[in-house]
């Protein structure tokens, strides 16, 4: 049997964090939640709601259906600009629109 939807979302979020070079704290700030809340969702003690999934997808600039499809499709949908480049500071590399236009 394949992964459950919950497992696919957790795996996709983990893969996106890795490929984008972001931490759970970075994602938490973008979503307006605490790092502990992201950690609970990633560990499976709390679930990612559909609203959370929409927010994660918007943060990474991907379609929510790509996030729900799992890690391969989610990371393949991530633009080159959002991908980590070794040696580049992930926070500094974020487009201004992601940081609220500042």
N, C-alpha and C. Protein backbone atom coordinates (compact mmCIF):
# COMPACT_ATOMS: atom_id res chain seq x y z
N UNK A 1 0.84 -1.19 0.00
CA UNK A 1 0.00 0.00 0.00
C UNK A 1 0.88 1.24 0.00
N UNK A 2 0.43 2.30 -0.67
CA UNK A 2 1.17 3.55 -0.76
C UNK A 2 1.02 4.39 0.49
N UNK A 3 1.61 5.56 0.43
CA UNK A 3 1.54 6.49 1.56
C UNK A 3 0.13 7.05 1.70
N UNK A 4 -0.25 7.32 2.95
CA UNK A 4 -1.51 8.02 3.20
C UNK A 4 -1.35 9.48 2.77
N UNK A 5 -2.45 10.18 2.66
CA UNK A 5 -2.40 11.59 2.30
C UNK A 5 -1.59 12.38 3.33
N UNK A 6 -1.80 12.08 4.60
CA UNK A 6 -1.04 12.77 5.66
C UNK A 6 0.46 12.55 5.47
N UNK A 7 0.85 11.33 5.18
CA UNK A 7 2.28 11.02 4.97
C UNK A 7 2.82 11.72 3.73
N UNK A 8 2.00 11.77 2.67
CA UNK A 8 2.45 12.46 1.45
C UNK A 8 2.68 13.94 1.70
N UNK A 9 1.76 14.57 2.45
CA UNK A 9 1.91 16.00 2.73
C UNK A 9 3.14 16.23 3.60
N UNK A 10 3.31 15.44 4.65
CA UNK A 10 4.50 15.60 5.51
C UNK A 10 5.78 15.40 4.71
N UNK A 11 5.79 14.39 3.85
CA UNK A 11 6.98 14.14 3.02
C UNK A 11 7.21 15.28 2.04
N UNK A 12 6.14 15.79 1.45
CA UNK A 12 6.27 16.89 0.49
C UNK A 12 6.80 18.14 1.18
N UNK A 13 6.28 18.44 2.36
CA UNK A 13 6.76 19.62 3.10
C UNK A 13 8.23 19.45 3.46
N UNK A 14 8.61 18.27 3.93
CA UNK A 14 10.02 18.03 4.27
C UNK A 14 10.91 18.19 3.04
N UNK A 15 10.47 17.67 1.91
CA UNK A 15 11.25 17.78 0.68
C UNK A 15 11.37 19.23 0.23
N UNK A 16 10.27 19.98 0.32
CA UNK A 16 10.31 21.39 -0.07
C UNK A 16 11.24 22.19 0.84
N UNK A 17 11.17 21.91 2.13
CA UNK A 17 12.08 22.58 3.07
C UNK A 17 13.53 22.32 2.67
N UNK A 18 13.82 21.07 2.37
CA UNK A 18 15.19 20.70 2.01
C UNK A 18 15.63 21.36 0.70
N UNK A 19 14.82 21.23 -0.33
CA UNK A 19 15.19 21.75 -1.65
C UNK A 19 15.30 23.27 -1.63
N UNK A 20 14.44 23.93 -0.85
CA UNK A 20 14.47 25.39 -0.76
C UNK A 20 15.53 25.88 0.22
N UNK A 21 16.10 24.97 1.00
CA UNK A 21 17.10 25.37 1.97
C UNK A 21 16.51 26.14 3.14
N UNK A 22 15.28 25.81 3.50
CA UNK A 22 14.60 26.49 4.59
C UNK A 22 14.50 25.59 5.81
N UNK A 23 14.29 26.21 6.94
CA UNK A 23 14.08 25.49 8.20
C UNK A 23 12.60 25.50 8.53
N UNK A 24 12.22 24.71 9.52
CA UNK A 24 10.84 24.75 10.00
C UNK A 24 10.51 26.15 10.52
N UNK A 25 11.48 26.81 11.10
CA UNK A 25 11.27 28.17 11.60
C UNK A 25 10.95 29.12 10.44
N UNK A 26 11.68 28.99 9.33
CA UNK A 26 11.40 29.83 8.16
C UNK A 26 9.96 29.62 7.68
N UNK A 27 9.55 28.35 7.59
CA UNK A 27 8.19 28.05 7.14
C UNK A 27 7.17 28.57 8.14
N UNK A 28 7.44 28.41 9.42
CA UNK A 28 6.52 28.89 10.45
C UNK A 28 6.30 30.39 10.34
N UNK A 29 7.38 31.14 10.15
CA UNK A 29 7.26 32.60 10.00
C UNK A 29 6.39 32.93 8.80
N UNK A 30 6.62 32.25 7.68
CA UNK A 30 5.86 32.50 6.47
C UNK A 30 4.37 32.19 6.65
N UNK A 31 4.08 31.18 7.46
CA UNK A 31 2.69 30.76 7.67
C UNK A 31 2.03 31.50 8.83
N UNK A 32 2.82 32.21 9.62
CA UNK A 32 2.27 32.93 10.78
C UNK A 32 1.93 32.02 11.94
N UNK A 33 2.69 30.93 12.08
CA UNK A 33 2.51 30.00 13.20
C UNK A 33 3.85 29.83 13.90
N UNK A 34 3.86 29.07 14.98
CA UNK A 34 5.12 28.83 15.68
C UNK A 34 5.87 27.66 15.05
N UNK A 35 7.17 27.63 15.31
CA UNK A 35 7.98 26.49 14.83
C UNK A 35 7.47 25.21 15.46
N UNK A 36 7.01 25.28 16.70
CA UNK A 36 6.49 24.09 17.38
C UNK A 36 5.26 23.54 16.66
N UNK A 37 4.42 24.44 16.13
CA UNK A 37 3.25 23.98 15.39
C UNK A 37 3.66 23.27 14.10
N UNK A 38 4.64 23.80 13.41
CA UNK A 38 5.15 23.13 12.20
C UNK A 38 5.74 21.79 12.58
N UNK A 39 6.50 21.75 13.67
CA UNK A 39 7.11 20.51 14.12
C UNK A 39 6.07 19.45 14.44
N UNK A 40 5.00 19.85 15.12
CA UNK A 40 3.93 18.89 15.45
C UNK A 40 3.27 18.36 14.19
N UNK A 41 3.07 19.22 13.21
CA UNK A 41 2.45 18.78 11.96
C UNK A 41 3.40 17.84 11.20
N UNK A 42 4.68 18.15 11.24
CA UNK A 42 5.65 17.31 10.53
C UNK A 42 5.88 15.98 11.22
N UNK A 43 5.71 15.94 12.54
CA UNK A 43 5.91 14.68 13.27
C UNK A 43 4.66 13.80 13.22
N UNK A 44 3.53 14.39 12.83
CA UNK A 44 2.30 13.62 12.75
C UNK A 44 1.44 13.70 13.99
N UNK A 45 1.88 14.44 15.02
CA UNK A 45 1.05 14.57 16.21
C UNK A 45 -0.09 15.56 15.99
N UNK A 46 0.02 16.39 14.96
CA UNK A 46 -1.06 17.27 14.50
C UNK A 46 -1.08 17.15 12.98
N UNK A 47 -2.20 17.45 12.39
CA UNK A 47 -2.31 17.31 10.94
C UNK A 47 -2.20 18.64 10.22
N UNK A 48 -1.82 18.56 8.95
CA UNK A 48 -1.84 19.73 8.07
C UNK A 48 -3.27 19.85 7.56
N UNK A 49 -3.95 20.96 7.87
CA UNK A 49 -5.31 21.18 7.37
C UNK A 49 -5.24 21.57 5.89
N UNK A 50 -6.38 21.57 5.23
CA UNK A 50 -6.41 22.01 3.84
C UNK A 50 -5.99 23.46 3.72
N UNK A 51 -6.39 24.29 4.68
CA UNK A 51 -5.96 25.70 4.67
C UNK A 51 -4.45 25.80 4.83
N UNK A 52 -3.88 24.95 5.70
CA UNK A 52 -2.42 24.92 5.86
C UNK A 52 -1.76 24.54 4.54
N UNK A 53 -2.31 23.52 3.89
CA UNK A 53 -1.74 23.06 2.62
C UNK A 53 -1.77 24.16 1.58
N UNK A 54 -2.88 24.91 1.52
CA UNK A 54 -2.95 26.04 0.59
C UNK A 54 -1.88 27.08 0.91
N UNK A 55 -1.66 27.35 2.19
CA UNK A 55 -0.66 28.34 2.60
C UNK A 55 0.75 27.87 2.28
N UNK A 56 1.03 26.60 2.51
CA UNK A 56 2.35 26.04 2.20
C UNK A 56 2.59 26.12 0.69
N UNK A 57 1.59 25.70 -0.08
CA UNK A 57 1.72 25.74 -1.54
C UNK A 57 1.95 27.17 -2.02
N UNK A 58 1.20 28.12 -1.48
CA UNK A 58 1.38 29.53 -1.87
C UNK A 58 2.78 30.02 -1.50
N UNK A 59 3.26 29.63 -0.32
CA UNK A 59 4.60 30.04 0.11
C UNK A 59 5.66 29.57 -0.89
N UNK A 60 5.52 28.36 -1.37
CA UNK A 60 6.51 27.81 -2.30
C UNK A 60 6.18 28.09 -3.77
N UNK A 61 5.04 28.72 -4.02
CA UNK A 61 4.68 29.07 -5.39
C UNK A 61 4.31 27.86 -6.24
N UNK A 62 3.71 26.86 -5.60
CA UNK A 62 3.29 25.66 -6.33
C UNK A 62 1.78 25.50 -6.17
N UNK A 63 1.19 24.67 -7.01
CA UNK A 63 -0.23 24.36 -6.91
C UNK A 63 -0.44 23.42 -5.73
N UNK A 64 -1.53 23.62 -5.01
CA UNK A 64 -1.80 22.78 -3.84
C UNK A 64 -1.92 21.30 -4.24
N UNK A 65 -2.41 21.03 -5.45
CA UNK A 65 -2.51 19.63 -5.89
C UNK A 65 -1.13 18.99 -6.04
N UNK A 66 -0.12 19.79 -6.41
CA UNK A 66 1.25 19.26 -6.48
C UNK A 66 1.77 18.92 -5.10
N UNK A 67 1.41 19.74 -4.10
CA UNK A 67 1.79 19.44 -2.71
C UNK A 67 1.14 18.14 -2.26
N UNK A 68 -0.15 18.00 -2.54
CA UNK A 68 -0.89 16.82 -2.11
C UNK A 68 -0.44 15.55 -2.83
N UNK A 69 0.15 15.71 -4.00
CA UNK A 69 0.60 14.55 -4.79
C UNK A 69 1.85 13.91 -4.18
N UNK A 70 2.57 14.64 -3.34
CA UNK A 70 3.73 14.05 -2.69
C UNK A 70 5.02 14.77 -3.00
N UNK A 71 6.11 14.28 -2.43
CA UNK A 71 7.38 14.99 -2.50
C UNK A 71 7.96 15.15 -3.90
N UNK A 72 7.83 14.15 -4.73
CA UNK A 72 8.43 14.24 -6.07
C UNK A 72 7.76 15.34 -6.87
N UNK A 73 6.45 15.29 -6.95
CA UNK A 73 5.73 16.29 -7.73
C UNK A 73 5.87 17.68 -7.12
N UNK A 74 5.85 17.78 -5.80
CA UNK A 74 5.97 19.08 -5.15
C UNK A 74 7.32 19.72 -5.47
N UNK A 75 8.39 18.95 -5.36
CA UNK A 75 9.71 19.53 -5.60
C UNK A 75 9.95 19.79 -7.09
N UNK A 76 9.38 18.96 -7.95
CA UNK A 76 9.50 19.21 -9.39
C UNK A 76 8.78 20.49 -9.79
N UNK A 77 7.76 20.88 -9.04
CA UNK A 77 6.98 22.08 -9.33
C UNK A 77 7.64 23.35 -8.80
N UNK A 78 8.61 23.20 -7.93
CA UNK A 78 9.29 24.35 -7.33
C UNK A 78 10.14 25.05 -8.37
N UNK A 79 9.99 26.36 -8.47
CA UNK A 79 10.75 27.12 -9.47
C UNK A 79 12.24 27.12 -9.13
N UNK A 80 13.05 27.34 -10.14
CA UNK A 80 14.50 27.39 -9.94
C UNK A 80 14.89 28.49 -8.96
N UNK A 81 14.16 29.60 -8.98
CA UNK A 81 14.47 30.72 -8.08
C UNK A 81 14.30 30.35 -6.62
N UNK A 82 13.40 29.40 -6.34
CA UNK A 82 13.13 29.01 -4.94
C UNK A 82 14.05 27.88 -4.47
N UNK A 83 14.83 27.33 -5.38
CA UNK A 83 15.71 26.22 -5.01
C UNK A 83 16.98 26.74 -4.36
N UNK A 84 17.45 25.98 -3.37
CA UNK A 84 18.67 26.34 -2.67
C UNK A 84 19.85 26.18 -3.62
N UNK A 85 20.73 27.13 -3.55
CA UNK A 85 22.00 27.04 -4.26
C UNK A 85 23.06 26.88 -3.18
N UNK A 86 23.88 25.83 -3.23
CA UNK A 86 24.88 25.64 -2.18
C UNK A 86 25.71 26.91 -1.97
N UNK A 87 25.86 27.28 -0.70
CA UNK A 87 26.64 28.45 -0.36
C UNK A 87 25.85 29.74 -0.32
N UNK A 88 24.57 29.68 -0.75
CA UNK A 88 23.73 30.88 -0.75
C UNK A 88 22.88 30.87 0.51
N UNK A 89 22.76 32.01 1.15
CA UNK A 89 21.92 32.16 2.32
C UNK A 89 20.47 32.08 1.87
N UNK A 90 19.70 31.10 2.36
CA UNK A 90 18.32 30.90 1.91
C UNK A 90 17.45 32.11 2.19
N UNK A 91 17.61 32.76 3.34
CA UNK A 91 16.78 33.91 3.68
C UNK A 91 17.04 35.06 2.73
N UNK A 92 18.30 35.31 2.41
CA UNK A 92 18.65 36.41 1.51
C UNK A 92 18.19 36.13 0.08
N UNK A 93 18.03 34.87 -0.26
CA UNK A 93 17.69 34.51 -1.63
C UNK A 93 16.19 34.59 -1.90
N UNK A 94 15.37 34.75 -0.87
CA UNK A 94 13.94 34.79 -1.03
C UNK A 94 13.52 36.04 -1.79
N UNK A 95 12.60 35.93 -2.71
CA UNK A 95 12.10 37.11 -3.40
C UNK A 95 11.41 38.06 -2.39
N UNK A 96 11.45 39.34 -2.65
CA UNK A 96 10.88 40.32 -1.74
C UNK A 96 9.40 40.08 -1.48
N UNK A 97 8.66 39.60 -2.48
CA UNK A 97 7.23 39.36 -2.32
C UNK A 97 6.95 38.32 -1.25
N UNK A 98 7.84 37.37 -1.06
CA UNK A 98 7.65 36.33 -0.05
C UNK A 98 7.80 36.91 1.34
N UNK A 99 8.66 37.90 1.49
CA UNK A 99 8.91 38.52 2.79
C UNK A 99 8.02 39.72 3.02
N UNK A 100 6.89 39.78 2.35
CA UNK A 100 5.97 40.87 2.55
C UNK A 100 6.33 42.14 1.81
N UNK A 101 7.18 42.03 0.80
CA UNK A 101 7.51 43.17 -0.02
C UNK A 101 8.61 44.05 0.52
N UNK A 102 9.28 43.63 1.57
CA UNK A 102 10.37 44.44 2.12
C UNK A 102 11.69 44.03 1.57
